[in-house]
N, C-alpha and C. Protein backbone atom coordinates (compact mmCIF):
# COMPACT_ATOMS: atom_id res chain seq x y z
N MET A 1 107.61 91.31 111.15
CA MET A 1 107.00 91.11 109.86
C MET A 1 107.77 91.92 108.81
N THR A 2 108.19 91.29 107.76
CA THR A 2 108.89 91.98 106.69
C THR A 2 107.90 92.75 105.83
N LYS A 3 108.20 94.02 105.60
CA LYS A 3 107.31 94.85 104.80
C LYS A 3 107.67 94.75 103.32
N THR A 4 106.68 95.05 102.50
CA THR A 4 106.86 95.07 101.05
C THR A 4 106.80 96.52 100.58
N LEU A 5 107.10 96.74 99.31
CA LEU A 5 106.97 98.07 98.73
C LEU A 5 105.52 98.56 98.84
N ALA A 6 104.55 97.67 98.71
CA ALA A 6 103.14 98.05 98.85
C ALA A 6 102.85 98.53 100.28
N ASP A 7 103.45 97.89 101.28
CA ASP A 7 103.28 98.32 102.68
C ASP A 7 103.87 99.71 102.88
N ILE A 8 105.04 99.93 102.33
CA ILE A 8 105.70 101.23 102.44
C ILE A 8 104.84 102.29 101.75
N SER A 9 104.34 101.99 100.58
CA SER A 9 103.49 102.92 99.83
C SER A 9 102.27 103.30 100.66
N GLU A 10 101.65 102.33 101.29
CA GLU A 10 100.47 102.59 102.12
C GLU A 10 100.82 103.52 103.29
N ALA A 11 101.95 103.27 103.93
CA ALA A 11 102.38 104.10 105.06
C ALA A 11 102.68 105.53 104.61
N MET A 12 103.21 105.70 103.40
CA MET A 12 103.59 107.02 102.91
C MET A 12 102.39 107.87 102.52
N LYS A 13 101.23 107.28 102.31
CA LYS A 13 100.04 108.05 101.93
C LYS A 13 99.66 109.06 103.00
N SER A 14 100.00 108.78 104.25
CA SER A 14 99.62 109.68 105.33
C SER A 14 100.74 110.66 105.69
N ILE A 15 101.81 110.69 104.91
CA ILE A 15 102.94 111.57 105.19
C ILE A 15 103.02 112.64 104.11
N ASP A 16 102.91 113.91 104.51
CA ASP A 16 102.94 114.97 103.50
C ASP A 16 104.35 115.45 103.20
N PHE A 17 105.24 115.47 104.18
CA PHE A 17 106.58 116.02 103.96
C PHE A 17 107.66 115.00 104.25
N CYS A 18 108.76 115.16 103.55
CA CYS A 18 109.95 114.39 103.82
C CYS A 18 111.14 115.35 103.82
N THR A 19 112.30 114.85 104.15
CA THR A 19 113.53 115.63 104.05
C THR A 19 114.36 115.03 102.93
N LEU A 20 114.77 115.87 101.99
CA LEU A 20 115.62 115.47 100.87
C LEU A 20 117.04 115.89 101.21
N ALA A 21 117.95 114.93 101.30
CA ALA A 21 119.35 115.21 101.62
C ALA A 21 120.21 114.98 100.38
N THR A 22 121.11 115.93 100.13
CA THR A 22 122.03 115.85 98.99
C THR A 22 123.47 116.04 99.48
N HIS A 23 124.41 115.75 98.60
CA HIS A 23 125.82 115.99 98.88
C HIS A 23 126.16 117.39 98.39
N SER A 24 126.41 118.28 99.34
CA SER A 24 126.70 119.68 99.01
C SER A 24 128.20 119.87 98.80
N PRO A 25 128.58 121.04 98.30
CA PRO A 25 130.01 121.31 98.08
C PRO A 25 130.83 121.15 99.36
N GLY A 26 132.05 120.73 99.22
CA GLY A 26 132.95 120.59 100.37
C GLY A 26 132.67 119.38 101.22
N GLY A 27 131.85 118.45 100.73
CA GLY A 27 131.60 117.22 101.47
C GLY A 27 130.51 117.31 102.52
N THR A 28 129.83 118.44 102.61
CA THR A 28 128.76 118.56 103.59
C THR A 28 127.48 117.92 103.05
N ILE A 29 126.54 117.72 103.94
CA ILE A 29 125.23 117.19 103.57
C ILE A 29 124.23 118.33 103.70
N GLY A 30 123.47 118.57 102.63
CA GLY A 30 122.42 119.57 102.65
C GLY A 30 121.08 118.87 102.72
N ALA A 31 120.17 119.37 103.54
CA ALA A 31 118.86 118.75 103.64
C ALA A 31 117.80 119.83 103.72
N ARG A 32 116.67 119.54 103.09
CA ARG A 32 115.56 120.48 103.11
C ARG A 32 114.24 119.72 103.02
N PRO A 33 113.15 120.33 103.59
CA PRO A 33 111.85 119.67 103.51
C PRO A 33 111.28 119.78 102.11
N MET A 34 110.61 118.72 101.69
CA MET A 34 109.94 118.68 100.39
C MET A 34 108.57 118.05 100.60
N SER A 35 107.59 118.50 99.83
CA SER A 35 106.24 117.96 99.95
C SER A 35 106.09 116.68 99.15
N ASN A 36 105.54 115.68 99.80
CA ASN A 36 105.26 114.39 99.18
C ASN A 36 103.86 114.39 98.58
N ASN A 37 103.10 115.45 98.85
CA ASN A 37 101.71 115.61 98.41
C ASN A 37 100.79 114.51 98.94
N SER A 38 101.25 113.62 99.70
CA SER A 38 100.54 112.56 100.43
C SER A 38 99.38 111.88 99.71
N GLU A 39 99.24 112.10 98.45
CA GLU A 39 98.20 111.38 97.72
C GLU A 39 98.81 110.61 96.56
N VAL A 40 100.10 110.44 96.59
CA VAL A 40 100.82 109.79 95.52
C VAL A 40 100.94 108.30 95.82
N GLU A 41 100.71 107.48 94.85
CA GLU A 41 100.91 106.03 94.94
C GLU A 41 102.41 105.80 94.76
N TYR A 42 103.11 105.51 95.85
CA TYR A 42 104.57 105.35 95.79
C TYR A 42 104.93 104.00 95.19
N ASP A 43 105.73 104.02 94.14
CA ASP A 43 106.16 102.80 93.47
C ASP A 43 107.68 102.65 93.46
N GLY A 44 108.34 103.43 94.30
CA GLY A 44 109.80 103.44 94.33
C GLY A 44 110.37 104.69 93.68
N ASP A 45 109.52 105.47 93.02
CA ASP A 45 109.94 106.75 92.44
C ASP A 45 109.19 107.86 93.17
N ALA A 46 109.94 108.88 93.61
CA ALA A 46 109.35 110.05 94.25
C ALA A 46 109.55 111.25 93.34
N TRP A 47 108.58 112.14 93.32
CA TRP A 47 108.58 113.30 92.41
C TRP A 47 108.40 114.57 93.23
N PHE A 48 109.21 115.58 92.94
CA PHE A 48 109.14 116.85 93.65
C PHE A 48 109.33 117.99 92.65
N PHE A 49 108.72 119.11 92.92
CA PHE A 49 108.94 120.31 92.12
C PHE A 49 109.75 121.31 92.93
N THR A 50 110.61 122.04 92.25
CA THR A 50 111.43 123.08 92.87
C THR A 50 111.83 124.07 91.79
N TYR A 51 112.76 124.93 92.13
CA TYR A 51 113.27 125.91 91.16
C TYR A 51 114.71 125.60 90.79
N GLN A 52 115.04 125.87 89.55
CA GLN A 52 116.36 125.60 88.99
C GLN A 52 117.49 126.21 89.82
N ASP A 53 117.27 127.39 90.42
CA ASP A 53 118.35 128.09 91.11
C ASP A 53 118.60 127.61 92.53
N ARG A 54 117.95 126.55 92.97
CA ARG A 54 118.14 126.04 94.33
C ARG A 54 119.43 125.22 94.42
N GLN A 55 120.07 125.29 95.58
CA GLN A 55 121.32 124.57 95.79
C GLN A 55 121.14 123.07 95.58
N MET A 56 119.99 122.53 95.95
CA MET A 56 119.79 121.08 95.81
C MET A 56 119.88 120.64 94.36
N VAL A 57 119.46 121.51 93.42
CA VAL A 57 119.53 121.16 92.00
C VAL A 57 120.98 121.07 91.58
N ALA A 58 121.80 122.03 91.99
CA ALA A 58 123.24 121.98 91.68
C ALA A 58 123.87 120.75 92.32
N ASP A 59 123.47 120.45 93.56
CA ASP A 59 124.00 119.27 94.26
C ASP A 59 123.69 118.00 93.48
N ILE A 60 122.45 117.85 93.04
CA ILE A 60 122.02 116.64 92.32
C ILE A 60 122.73 116.53 90.98
N GLU A 61 122.91 117.64 90.30
CA GLU A 61 123.60 117.60 89.01
C GLU A 61 125.07 117.21 89.17
N ARG A 62 125.63 117.46 90.34
CA ARG A 62 127.02 117.10 90.61
C ARG A 62 127.11 115.66 91.14
N ASP A 63 126.13 115.25 91.97
CA ASP A 63 126.13 113.91 92.58
C ASP A 63 124.68 113.48 92.76
N ALA A 64 124.25 112.51 91.99
CA ALA A 64 122.84 112.08 91.98
C ALA A 64 122.43 111.27 93.21
N ASN A 65 123.35 110.87 94.07
CA ASN A 65 123.02 110.08 95.25
C ASN A 65 122.35 110.96 96.30
N VAL A 66 121.12 110.59 96.67
CA VAL A 66 120.36 111.37 97.64
C VAL A 66 119.70 110.46 98.66
N GLY A 67 119.17 111.08 99.69
CA GLY A 67 118.38 110.37 100.69
C GLY A 67 117.08 111.10 100.95
N LEU A 68 116.02 110.37 101.18
CA LEU A 68 114.72 110.92 101.56
C LEU A 68 114.35 110.30 102.90
N THR A 69 113.95 111.13 103.85
CA THR A 69 113.54 110.62 105.15
C THR A 69 112.11 111.06 105.43
N TYR A 70 111.26 110.10 105.74
CA TYR A 70 109.84 110.32 106.03
C TYR A 70 109.57 109.92 107.48
N LEU A 71 108.72 110.68 108.16
CA LEU A 71 108.29 110.33 109.51
C LEU A 71 106.78 110.36 109.54
N GLY A 72 106.20 109.19 109.77
CA GLY A 72 104.75 109.07 109.82
C GLY A 72 104.25 109.03 111.25
N SER A 73 102.98 109.21 111.41
CA SER A 73 102.32 109.20 112.71
C SER A 73 102.35 107.79 113.30
N ALA A 74 102.35 107.72 114.61
CA ALA A 74 102.27 106.43 115.29
C ALA A 74 100.84 105.93 115.35
N GLY A 75 99.89 106.80 115.01
CA GLY A 75 98.48 106.40 115.08
C GLY A 75 98.08 106.05 116.51
N LEU A 76 97.25 105.05 116.66
CA LEU A 76 96.79 104.65 118.00
C LEU A 76 97.92 104.13 118.87
N LYS A 77 98.96 103.58 118.25
CA LYS A 77 100.10 103.11 119.03
C LYS A 77 100.77 104.25 119.79
N GLY A 78 100.62 105.48 119.28
CA GLY A 78 101.22 106.64 119.92
C GLY A 78 100.69 106.88 121.32
N ILE A 79 99.46 106.49 121.56
CA ILE A 79 98.87 106.63 122.89
C ILE A 79 99.67 105.82 123.90
N LEU A 80 100.24 104.72 123.43
CA LEU A 80 101.04 103.85 124.30
C LEU A 80 102.51 104.24 124.29
N GLY A 81 102.84 105.36 123.64
CA GLY A 81 104.23 105.84 123.63
C GLY A 81 105.07 105.33 122.47
N ALA A 82 104.45 104.67 121.52
CA ALA A 82 105.20 104.15 120.37
C ALA A 82 105.61 105.31 119.45
N PRO A 83 106.77 105.21 118.82
CA PRO A 83 107.18 106.26 117.88
C PRO A 83 106.41 106.11 116.57
N GLY A 84 106.54 107.08 115.71
CA GLY A 84 105.94 106.99 114.39
C GLY A 84 106.74 106.08 113.49
N GLN A 85 106.27 105.93 112.28
CA GLN A 85 106.96 105.11 111.27
C GLN A 85 108.07 105.95 110.64
N PHE A 86 109.29 105.46 110.67
CA PHE A 86 110.41 106.11 110.01
C PHE A 86 110.71 105.34 108.72
N ILE A 87 110.84 106.06 107.63
CA ILE A 87 111.17 105.45 106.34
C ILE A 87 112.31 106.25 105.75
N HIS A 88 113.38 105.58 105.41
CA HIS A 88 114.51 106.25 104.76
C HIS A 88 114.76 105.60 103.41
N VAL A 89 114.80 106.44 102.39
CA VAL A 89 115.00 105.99 101.02
C VAL A 89 116.37 106.46 100.55
N GLU A 90 117.17 105.55 100.06
CA GLU A 90 118.39 105.91 99.37
C GLU A 90 118.09 105.79 97.89
N GLY A 91 118.56 106.76 97.11
CA GLY A 91 118.25 106.69 95.69
C GLY A 91 119.11 107.58 94.84
N LYS A 92 118.77 107.58 93.57
CA LYS A 92 119.43 108.41 92.56
C LYS A 92 118.41 109.44 92.09
N ALA A 93 118.84 110.70 92.05
CA ALA A 93 117.95 111.78 91.63
C ALA A 93 118.28 112.23 90.23
N GLU A 94 117.26 112.73 89.57
CA GLU A 94 117.37 113.25 88.22
C GLU A 94 116.60 114.57 88.16
N VAL A 95 117.18 115.58 87.49
CA VAL A 95 116.50 116.86 87.30
C VAL A 95 115.80 116.81 85.94
N ILE A 96 114.51 117.10 85.94
CA ILE A 96 113.69 117.04 84.72
C ILE A 96 113.20 118.44 84.39
N ARG A 97 113.35 118.80 83.13
CA ARG A 97 112.94 120.14 82.67
C ARG A 97 111.84 120.08 81.60
N ASP A 98 111.29 118.94 81.36
CA ASP A 98 110.29 118.71 80.32
C ASP A 98 108.89 119.01 80.86
N LYS A 99 108.24 120.05 80.34
CA LYS A 99 106.92 120.46 80.83
C LYS A 99 105.84 119.40 80.59
N THR A 100 106.02 118.59 79.57
CA THR A 100 105.06 117.50 79.35
C THR A 100 105.11 116.54 80.53
N ARG A 101 106.29 116.26 81.02
CA ARG A 101 106.43 115.38 82.19
C ARG A 101 105.93 116.08 83.45
N PHE A 102 106.12 117.43 83.54
CA PHE A 102 105.59 118.18 84.69
C PHE A 102 104.08 117.91 84.79
N ALA A 103 103.40 118.04 83.65
CA ALA A 103 101.94 117.92 83.62
C ALA A 103 101.48 116.56 84.13
N GLU A 104 102.27 115.53 83.92
CA GLU A 104 101.91 114.17 84.37
C GLU A 104 101.89 114.07 85.89
N HIS A 105 102.62 114.96 86.57
CA HIS A 105 102.75 114.88 88.03
C HIS A 105 102.22 116.12 88.74
N TRP A 106 101.61 117.03 87.99
CA TRP A 106 101.16 118.29 88.58
C TRP A 106 99.94 118.07 89.45
N ASP A 107 99.90 118.78 90.55
CA ASP A 107 98.77 118.79 91.46
C ASP A 107 98.41 120.26 91.69
N LYS A 108 97.14 120.56 91.69
CA LYS A 108 96.67 121.95 91.82
C LYS A 108 97.24 122.64 93.06
N SER A 109 97.54 121.90 94.10
CA SER A 109 98.09 122.51 95.33
C SER A 109 99.45 123.16 95.08
N LEU A 110 100.13 122.76 94.00
CA LEU A 110 101.44 123.34 93.68
C LEU A 110 101.35 124.77 93.17
N ASP A 111 100.16 125.19 92.76
CA ASP A 111 99.98 126.55 92.25
C ASP A 111 100.38 127.60 93.27
N ARG A 112 100.33 127.26 94.54
CA ARG A 112 100.73 128.19 95.60
C ARG A 112 102.19 128.61 95.46
N TRP A 113 103.04 127.67 95.08
CA TRP A 113 104.47 127.93 94.96
C TRP A 113 104.92 128.19 93.53
N PHE A 114 104.11 127.76 92.59
CA PHE A 114 104.42 127.91 91.17
C PHE A 114 103.22 128.58 90.50
N PRO A 115 103.12 129.92 90.61
CA PRO A 115 101.90 130.64 90.22
C PRO A 115 101.51 130.53 88.75
N GLN A 116 102.45 130.20 87.87
CA GLN A 116 102.11 130.03 86.46
C GLN A 116 102.03 128.54 86.09
N GLY A 117 101.81 127.70 87.10
CA GLY A 117 101.69 126.25 86.85
C GLY A 117 102.95 125.69 86.23
N ILE A 118 102.79 124.78 85.30
CA ILE A 118 103.96 124.13 84.68
C ILE A 118 104.77 125.10 83.84
N ASP A 119 104.23 126.28 83.56
CA ASP A 119 104.94 127.30 82.78
C ASP A 119 105.68 128.30 83.66
N THR A 120 105.73 128.08 84.97
CA THR A 120 106.44 128.98 85.87
C THR A 120 107.91 129.00 85.49
N PRO A 121 108.46 130.19 85.22
CA PRO A 121 109.88 130.29 84.85
C PRO A 121 110.79 129.69 85.94
N GLY A 122 111.75 128.88 85.52
CA GLY A 122 112.71 128.30 86.44
C GLY A 122 112.24 127.04 87.15
N ALA A 123 111.01 126.61 86.92
CA ALA A 123 110.51 125.40 87.59
C ALA A 123 111.19 124.16 87.01
N VAL A 124 111.54 123.24 87.87
CA VAL A 124 112.08 121.94 87.47
C VAL A 124 111.42 120.88 88.34
N MET A 125 111.50 119.65 87.89
CA MET A 125 110.96 118.53 88.65
C MET A 125 112.11 117.59 88.98
N LEU A 126 112.08 117.05 90.17
CA LEU A 126 113.08 116.07 90.60
C LEU A 126 112.42 114.70 90.68
N LYS A 127 113.11 113.72 90.15
CA LYS A 127 112.67 112.33 90.28
C LYS A 127 113.73 111.62 91.10
N VAL A 128 113.30 110.97 92.17
CA VAL A 128 114.21 110.18 93.00
C VAL A 128 113.80 108.72 92.87
N ARG A 129 114.67 107.95 92.27
CA ARG A 129 114.44 106.52 92.08
C ARG A 129 115.12 105.77 93.22
N ALA A 130 114.32 105.08 94.02
CA ALA A 130 114.84 104.37 95.19
C ALA A 130 115.75 103.22 94.77
N THR A 131 116.83 103.08 95.50
CA THR A 131 117.69 101.91 95.34
C THR A 131 117.62 101.02 96.59
N ARG A 132 117.28 101.64 97.73
CA ARG A 132 117.14 100.88 98.98
C ARG A 132 116.21 101.66 99.90
N ILE A 133 115.33 100.95 100.59
CA ILE A 133 114.40 101.57 101.54
C ILE A 133 114.54 100.86 102.89
N HIS A 134 114.78 101.65 103.92
CA HIS A 134 114.88 101.11 105.28
C HIS A 134 113.70 101.67 106.09
N TYR A 135 113.09 100.85 106.93
CA TYR A 135 111.97 101.30 107.74
C TYR A 135 112.15 100.85 109.18
N TRP A 136 111.51 101.61 110.09
CA TRP A 136 111.53 101.30 111.51
C TRP A 136 110.31 101.92 112.14
N ASP A 137 109.59 101.19 112.97
CA ASP A 137 108.41 101.75 113.62
C ASP A 137 108.43 101.53 115.13
N GLY A 138 109.59 101.23 115.68
CA GLY A 138 109.71 101.00 117.11
C GLY A 138 109.60 99.54 117.48
N GLU A 139 108.96 98.75 116.63
CA GLU A 139 108.81 97.32 116.88
C GLU A 139 109.40 96.49 115.75
N ASP A 140 109.27 97.01 114.56
CA ASP A 140 109.67 96.27 113.36
C ASP A 140 110.63 97.14 112.57
N GLU A 141 111.67 96.52 112.05
CA GLU A 141 112.57 97.25 111.17
C GLU A 141 113.07 96.31 110.09
N GLY A 142 113.49 96.90 109.01
CA GLY A 142 114.01 96.09 107.93
C GLY A 142 114.26 96.92 106.69
N GLU A 143 114.58 96.23 105.63
CA GLU A 143 114.81 96.87 104.35
C GLU A 143 113.94 96.23 103.30
N VAL A 144 113.50 97.05 102.38
CA VAL A 144 112.71 96.56 101.26
C VAL A 144 113.66 96.38 100.09
N SER A 145 113.65 95.19 99.55
CA SER A 145 114.46 94.92 98.37
C SER A 145 113.73 95.41 97.14
N LEU A 146 114.44 96.11 96.30
CA LEU A 146 113.87 96.61 95.05
C LEU A 146 114.56 95.90 93.89
N PRO A 147 113.84 95.74 92.80
CA PRO A 147 114.48 95.15 91.62
C PRO A 147 115.60 96.08 91.14
N ASP A 148 116.40 95.60 90.21
CA ASP A 148 117.49 96.42 89.69
C ASP A 148 116.93 97.74 89.18
N ARG A 149 117.28 98.80 89.87
CA ARG A 149 116.78 100.13 89.50
C ARG A 149 117.92 101.01 89.01
N SER A 150 118.99 100.39 88.56
CA SER A 150 120.13 101.17 88.08
C SER A 150 119.89 101.74 86.69
N VAL A 151 118.92 101.19 85.98
CA VAL A 151 118.60 101.68 84.64
C VAL A 151 117.51 102.72 84.76
N TRP A 152 117.75 103.90 84.24
CA TRP A 152 116.77 104.98 84.34
C TRP A 152 115.60 104.70 83.40
N ASN A 153 114.43 104.96 83.91
CA ASN A 153 113.19 104.80 83.16
C ASN A 153 112.84 106.15 82.55
N GLU A 154 112.63 106.20 81.27
CA GLU A 154 112.30 107.45 80.59
C GLU A 154 110.85 107.84 80.77
N GLY A 155 110.01 106.92 81.19
CA GLY A 155 108.60 107.20 81.35
C GLY A 155 108.30 107.84 82.68
N PRO A 156 107.03 108.09 82.98
CA PRO A 156 106.63 108.73 84.23
C PRO A 156 106.92 107.89 85.45
């Protein structure tokens, strides 16, 4: 069965963390866990908060091509030995420093890492706009086609 972006969004609701991979200096790949906050309605854009001084921010400013990898639970299929849902997103990342935009995506759970909320010194937000999504759940695999996402959207 071919999945749609709505199917992918539904699967991602139960996944709290993903791995964000960037192109690091010297041609290496850097990857780190990022919180998906698991309550976000995924529409092809993923949003993350971090600090300006992190290597991933420098990586993104040098090369916006990134990957996000999500691993979801197998649910009841896991009892039968099925793997979880794997979702890999290829996309373009953007570093956002506008506190008004921070507020649009802020979740109270972020206060743990950003004690002054959207006013935390050095806080930045990352937007990853998907260009291609690949999925696999042990039985079904495929890619979700997205409309032309090469034009950056200035809105949320």
